[in-house]
Amino acid sequence: MKEKKKKEKKKKSNVQNYIRFSNIALQMGIVITAGALGGQWLDDKQKNDFPFWTLILTLIAIFASLFQIIRTVIKMSKDEDNSKG
């Protein structure tokens, strides 16, 4: 009986992790796209020959997304450690 509950709990945990990481991927795509489009808009407004704002805002969005992923993975790791012991 206990083994069955452990399997169900692990399966539920795997589904929750899948949902979390799918959500992170979606957020990452939205943030990077918003940064690129915002930069492109600024470059068009300022009539820049070199896409300075597009480059800067896209890089900021990428680093912000990576920061979010790292923070989430660390939190998940801590939550997993707390549930085990």
N, C-alpha and C. Protein backbone atom coordinates (compact mmCIF):
# COMPACT_ATOMS: atom_id res chain seq x y z
N MET A 1 0.82 -1.19 0.00
CA MET A 1 0.00 0.00 0.00
C MET A 1 0.87 1.26 0.00
N LYS A 2 1.94 1.26 0.82
CA LYS A 2 2.81 2.42 0.89
C LYS A 2 3.54 2.64 -0.43
N GLU A 3 3.92 1.54 -1.07
CA GLU A 3 4.63 1.66 -2.34
C GLU A 3 3.75 2.31 -3.40
N LYS A 4 2.48 1.97 -3.39
CA LYS A 4 1.56 2.55 -4.35
C LYS A 4 1.42 4.05 -4.12
N LYS A 5 1.36 4.48 -2.88
CA LYS A 5 1.27 5.90 -2.56
C LYS A 5 2.54 6.64 -2.96
N LYS A 6 3.71 5.99 -2.75
CA LYS A 6 4.97 6.60 -3.14
C LYS A 6 5.03 6.80 -4.65
N LYS A 7 4.58 5.79 -5.42
CA LYS A 7 4.58 5.88 -6.87
C LYS A 7 3.65 7.00 -7.33
N GLU A 8 2.47 7.10 -6.71
CA GLU A 8 1.52 8.15 -7.08
C GLU A 8 2.09 9.53 -6.76
N LYS A 9 2.75 9.64 -5.60
CA LYS A 9 3.34 10.92 -5.20
C LYS A 9 4.46 11.32 -6.16
N LYS A 10 5.29 10.34 -6.56
CA LYS A 10 6.40 10.62 -7.49
C LYS A 10 5.84 11.01 -8.85
N LYS A 11 4.79 10.33 -9.30
CA LYS A 11 4.18 10.65 -10.59
C LYS A 11 3.60 12.06 -10.56
N LYS A 12 2.95 12.41 -9.47
CA LYS A 12 2.38 13.75 -9.32
C LYS A 12 3.49 14.79 -9.31
N SER A 13 4.60 14.49 -8.65
CA SER A 13 5.74 15.40 -8.59
C SER A 13 6.33 15.60 -9.98
N ASN A 14 6.43 14.53 -10.76
CA ASN A 14 6.97 14.64 -12.11
C ASN A 14 6.07 15.51 -13.00
N VAL A 15 4.77 15.36 -12.85
CA VAL A 15 3.83 16.17 -13.62
C VAL A 15 3.95 17.63 -13.22
N GLN A 16 4.07 17.91 -11.93
CA GLN A 16 4.22 19.29 -11.46
C GLN A 16 5.51 19.90 -11.99
N ASN A 17 6.60 19.14 -11.99
CA ASN A 17 7.86 19.64 -12.53
C ASN A 17 7.74 19.93 -14.03
N TYR A 18 7.07 19.06 -14.75
CA TYR A 18 6.85 19.27 -16.18
C TYR A 18 6.08 20.56 -16.42
N ILE A 19 5.05 20.77 -15.64
CA ILE A 19 4.24 21.99 -15.78
C ILE A 19 5.07 23.23 -15.44
N ARG A 20 5.86 23.15 -14.38
CA ARG A 20 6.70 24.29 -14.01
C ARG A 20 7.68 24.65 -15.11
N PHE A 21 8.36 23.66 -15.66
CA PHE A 21 9.36 23.93 -16.69
C PHE A 21 8.71 24.35 -18.00
N SER A 22 7.54 23.86 -18.30
CA SER A 22 6.82 24.32 -19.49
C SER A 22 6.45 25.79 -19.33
N ASN A 23 6.01 26.15 -18.14
CA ASN A 23 5.67 27.53 -17.84
C ASN A 23 6.90 28.43 -17.96
N ILE A 24 8.04 27.96 -17.45
CA ILE A 24 9.27 28.74 -17.54
C ILE A 24 9.67 28.96 -18.99
N ALA A 25 9.55 27.92 -19.81
CA ALA A 25 9.91 28.05 -21.23
C ALA A 25 9.00 29.07 -21.92
N LEU A 26 7.72 29.03 -21.60
CA LEU A 26 6.79 29.99 -22.19
C LEU A 26 7.13 31.42 -21.75
N GLN A 27 7.40 31.59 -20.46
CA GLN A 27 7.78 32.91 -19.95
C GLN A 27 9.06 33.40 -20.61
N MET A 28 10.02 32.50 -20.76
CA MET A 28 11.30 32.86 -21.38
C MET A 28 11.08 33.35 -22.81
N GLY A 29 10.28 32.65 -23.56
CA GLY A 29 9.99 33.06 -24.93
C GLY A 29 9.29 34.41 -25.00
N ILE A 30 8.35 34.64 -24.10
CA ILE A 30 7.62 35.91 -24.08
C ILE A 30 8.55 37.06 -23.71
N VAL A 31 9.37 36.86 -22.68
CA VAL A 31 10.27 37.93 -22.23
C VAL A 31 11.30 38.28 -23.31
N ILE A 32 11.89 37.27 -23.93
CA ILE A 32 12.89 37.53 -24.96
C ILE A 32 12.25 38.20 -26.18
N THR A 33 11.08 37.74 -26.57
CA THR A 33 10.37 38.36 -27.69
C THR A 33 10.02 39.81 -27.38
N ALA A 34 9.54 40.06 -26.18
CA ALA A 34 9.20 41.43 -25.78
C ALA A 34 10.44 42.32 -25.80
N GLY A 35 11.56 41.81 -25.33
CA GLY A 35 12.80 42.58 -25.36
C GLY A 35 13.24 42.90 -26.77
N ALA A 36 13.16 41.92 -27.64
CA ALA A 36 13.58 42.13 -29.03
C ALA A 36 12.65 43.11 -29.74
N LEU A 37 11.35 42.94 -29.55
CA LEU A 37 10.40 43.84 -30.20
C LEU A 37 10.49 45.26 -29.64
N GLY A 38 10.67 45.35 -28.33
CA GLY A 38 10.84 46.67 -27.72
C GLY A 38 12.10 47.36 -28.21
N GLY A 39 13.17 46.62 -28.33
CA GLY A 39 14.41 47.18 -28.86
C GLY A 39 14.28 47.60 -30.30
N GLN A 40 13.58 46.79 -31.07
CA GLN A 40 13.37 47.12 -32.47
C GLN A 40 12.53 48.40 -32.60
N TRP A 41 11.52 48.52 -31.75
CA TRP A 41 10.69 49.72 -31.75
C TRP A 41 11.52 50.96 -31.41
N LEU A 42 12.38 50.84 -30.38
CA LEU A 42 13.23 51.97 -30.01
C LEU A 42 14.22 52.33 -31.11
N ASP A 43 14.78 51.32 -31.75
CA ASP A 43 15.71 51.58 -32.86
C ASP A 43 15.00 52.29 -34.01
N ASP A 44 13.76 51.87 -34.30
CA ASP A 44 13.00 52.53 -35.35
C ASP A 44 12.67 53.98 -34.98
N LYS A 45 12.31 54.20 -33.72
CA LYS A 45 11.99 55.56 -33.26
C LYS A 45 13.20 56.48 -33.35
N GLN A 46 14.37 55.96 -33.00
CA GLN A 46 15.58 56.78 -33.00
C GLN A 46 16.31 56.74 -34.34
N LYS A 47 15.80 55.96 -35.26
CA LYS A 47 16.39 55.82 -36.60
C LYS A 47 17.88 55.45 -36.54
N ASN A 48 18.16 54.44 -35.70
CA ASN A 48 19.54 53.95 -35.56
C ASN A 48 19.91 53.07 -36.76
N ASP A 49 21.14 53.25 -37.23
CA ASP A 49 21.64 52.38 -38.30
C ASP A 49 22.01 51.01 -37.73
N PHE A 50 22.60 51.01 -36.56
CA PHE A 50 22.96 49.76 -35.88
C PHE A 50 21.87 49.45 -34.85
N PRO A 51 21.38 48.23 -34.80
CA PRO A 51 20.28 47.89 -33.89
C PRO A 51 20.74 47.82 -32.42
N PHE A 52 21.17 48.93 -31.91
CA PHE A 52 21.72 49.01 -30.55
C PHE A 52 20.70 48.57 -29.50
N TRP A 53 19.52 49.16 -29.52
CA TRP A 53 18.52 48.84 -28.49
C TRP A 53 18.01 47.41 -28.61
N THR A 54 17.89 46.92 -29.82
CA THR A 54 17.45 45.54 -30.02
C THR A 54 18.45 44.59 -29.37
N LEU A 55 19.71 44.82 -29.60
CA LEU A 55 20.76 43.99 -29.04
C LEU A 55 20.77 44.05 -27.51
N ILE A 56 20.75 45.26 -26.98
CA ILE A 56 20.83 45.45 -25.52
C ILE A 56 19.61 44.85 -24.83
N LEU A 57 18.41 45.18 -25.29
CA LEU A 57 17.20 44.68 -24.63
C LEU A 57 17.03 43.17 -24.78
N THR A 58 17.46 42.62 -25.90
CA THR A 58 17.39 41.17 -26.08
C THR A 58 18.35 40.47 -25.11
N LEU A 59 19.56 40.99 -24.98
CA LEU A 59 20.52 40.40 -24.04
C LEU A 59 20.04 40.51 -22.60
N ILE A 60 19.47 41.65 -22.24
CA ILE A 60 18.93 41.81 -20.88
C ILE A 60 17.81 40.79 -20.65
N ALA A 61 16.95 40.61 -21.65
CA ALA A 61 15.85 39.65 -21.53
C ALA A 61 16.38 38.23 -21.39
N ILE A 62 17.43 37.88 -22.12
CA ILE A 62 18.01 36.54 -22.03
C ILE A 62 18.59 36.31 -20.63
N PHE A 63 19.35 37.29 -20.12
CA PHE A 63 19.92 37.13 -18.79
C PHE A 63 18.84 37.08 -17.71
N ALA A 64 17.79 37.87 -17.87
CA ALA A 64 16.69 37.83 -16.91
C ALA A 64 16.01 36.46 -16.93
N SER A 65 15.84 35.90 -18.11
CA SER A 65 15.23 34.57 -18.23
C SER A 65 16.11 33.49 -17.60
N LEU A 66 17.41 33.57 -17.85
CA LEU A 66 18.33 32.60 -17.24
C LEU A 66 18.34 32.72 -15.72
N PHE A 67 18.29 33.94 -15.23
CA PHE A 67 18.23 34.16 -13.79
C PHE A 67 16.97 33.51 -13.20
N GLN A 68 15.86 33.67 -13.89
CA GLN A 68 14.60 33.08 -13.43
C GLN A 68 14.70 31.55 -13.41
N ILE A 69 15.31 30.96 -14.43
CA ILE A 69 15.46 29.50 -14.48
C ILE A 69 16.33 29.01 -13.34
N ILE A 70 17.46 29.67 -13.13
CA ILE A 70 18.37 29.26 -12.06
C ILE A 70 17.69 29.38 -10.70
N ARG A 71 16.97 30.47 -10.49
CA ARG A 71 16.26 30.67 -9.22
C ARG A 71 15.20 29.58 -9.00
N THR A 72 14.48 29.24 -10.04
CA THR A 72 13.45 28.21 -9.93
C THR A 72 14.05 26.84 -9.65
N VAL A 73 15.14 26.50 -10.33
CA VAL A 73 15.77 25.20 -10.12
C VAL A 73 16.32 25.09 -8.70
N ILE A 74 16.92 26.16 -8.20
CA ILE A 74 17.43 26.15 -6.82
C ILE A 74 16.27 25.96 -5.84
N LYS A 75 15.17 26.67 -6.07
CA LYS A 75 14.01 26.53 -5.18
C LYS A 75 13.44 25.12 -5.23
N MET A 76 13.36 24.55 -6.43
CA MET A 76 12.85 23.18 -6.55
C MET A 76 13.75 22.20 -5.87
N SER A 77 15.07 22.42 -5.95
CA SER A 77 16.02 21.54 -5.30
C SER A 77 15.87 21.61 -3.78
N LYS A 78 15.70 22.81 -3.25
CA LYS A 78 15.50 22.98 -1.81
C LYS A 78 14.19 22.32 -1.35
N ASP A 79 13.14 22.51 -2.15
CA ASP A 79 11.86 21.89 -1.81
C ASP A 79 11.95 20.37 -1.80
N GLU A 80 12.69 19.83 -2.76
CA GLU A 80 12.87 18.38 -2.84
C GLU A 80 13.67 17.86 -1.65
N ASP A 81 14.72 18.60 -1.27
CA ASP A 81 15.53 18.21 -0.12
C ASP A 81 14.72 18.25 1.17
N ASN A 82 13.88 19.26 1.31
CA ASN A 82 13.04 19.38 2.51
C ASN A 82 11.99 18.28 2.58
N SER A 83 11.47 17.86 1.44
CA SER A 83 10.46 16.80 1.46
C SER A 83 11.07 15.42 1.75
N LYS A 84 12.35 15.23 1.43
CA LYS A 84 13.01 13.95 1.67
C LYS A 84 13.40 13.79 3.13
N GLY A 85 13.85 14.87 3.72
CA GLY A 85 14.40 14.68 5.04
C GLY A 85 13.77 15.52 6.06
